[in-house]
């Protein structure tokens, strides 16, 4: 197991088919996470999620 929090998610596109390089999949996952965090409603959605748990 690595210290990379995106490692588990990186394996999904890497295993989805031939031609998806692990570095490319990791870059995609990191970009996706960065975009999700920058979304204006992300903080509110996270607070809603925490409140529901």
Protein backbone atom coordinates (compact mmCIF):
# COMPACT_ATOMS: atom_id res chain seq x y z
CA UNK A 1 0.00 0.00 0.00
CA UNK A 2 1.30 3.46 -0.84
CA UNK A 3 0.89 6.78 0.88
CA UNK A 4 -0.84 8.15 -2.22
CA UNK A 5 -4.51 8.75 -1.33
CA UNK A 6 -5.40 8.47 -5.02
CA UNK A 7 -3.86 5.02 -5.45
CA UNK A 8 -7.09 3.04 -5.11
CA UNK A 9 -8.86 5.30 -7.60
CA UNK A 10 -5.94 5.22 -10.01
CA UNK A 11 -6.31 1.46 -10.38
CA UNK A 12 -9.85 1.81 -11.79
CA UNK A 13 -8.99 3.60 -15.07
CA UNK A 14 -5.72 1.69 -15.32
CA UNK A 15 -7.57 -1.61 -15.35
CA UNK A 16 -10.47 -0.44 -17.54
CA UNK A 17 -8.73 -1.36 -20.72
CA UNK A 18 -5.50 -1.56 -22.62
CA UNK A 19 -3.69 1.65 -23.38
CA UNK A 20 -4.34 3.50 -20.12
CA UNK A 21 -0.92 4.06 -18.62
CA UNK A 22 -0.75 4.18 -14.80
CA UNK A 23 0.84 7.67 -14.88
CA UNK A 24 -1.96 8.95 -17.12
CA UNK A 25 -4.60 7.40 -14.87
CA UNK A 26 -2.97 8.95 -11.78
CA UNK A 27 -2.90 12.36 -13.49
CA UNK A 28 -6.59 12.02 -14.40
CA UNK A 29 -7.57 11.10 -10.84
CA UNK A 30 -5.57 13.97 -9.34
CA UNK A 31 -7.07 16.46 -11.79
CA UNK A 32 -10.55 15.16 -11.09
CA UNK A 33 -10.06 15.47 -7.33
CA UNK A 34 -8.60 18.97 -7.66
CA UNK A 35 -11.55 20.04 -9.80
CA UNK A 36 -14.04 18.55 -7.36
CA UNK A 37 -12.39 20.35 -4.45
CA UNK A 38 -12.48 23.67 -6.31
CA UNK A 39 -16.19 23.33 -7.11
CA UNK A 40 -18.05 26.04 -5.15
CA UNK A 41 -20.57 23.57 -3.74
CA UNK A 42 -17.93 21.05 -2.64
CA UNK A 43 -17.58 22.45 0.86
CA UNK A 44 -21.33 22.50 1.38
CA UNK A 45 -21.71 18.99 -0.01
CA UNK A 46 -18.99 17.73 2.32
CA UNK A 47 -20.69 19.39 5.30
CA UNK A 48 -24.04 17.84 4.28
CA UNK A 49 -22.38 14.44 4.00
CA UNK A 50 -20.79 14.74 7.44
CA UNK A 51 -24.07 15.87 8.96
CA UNK A 52 -25.94 12.89 7.47
CA UNK A 53 -23.48 10.37 8.90
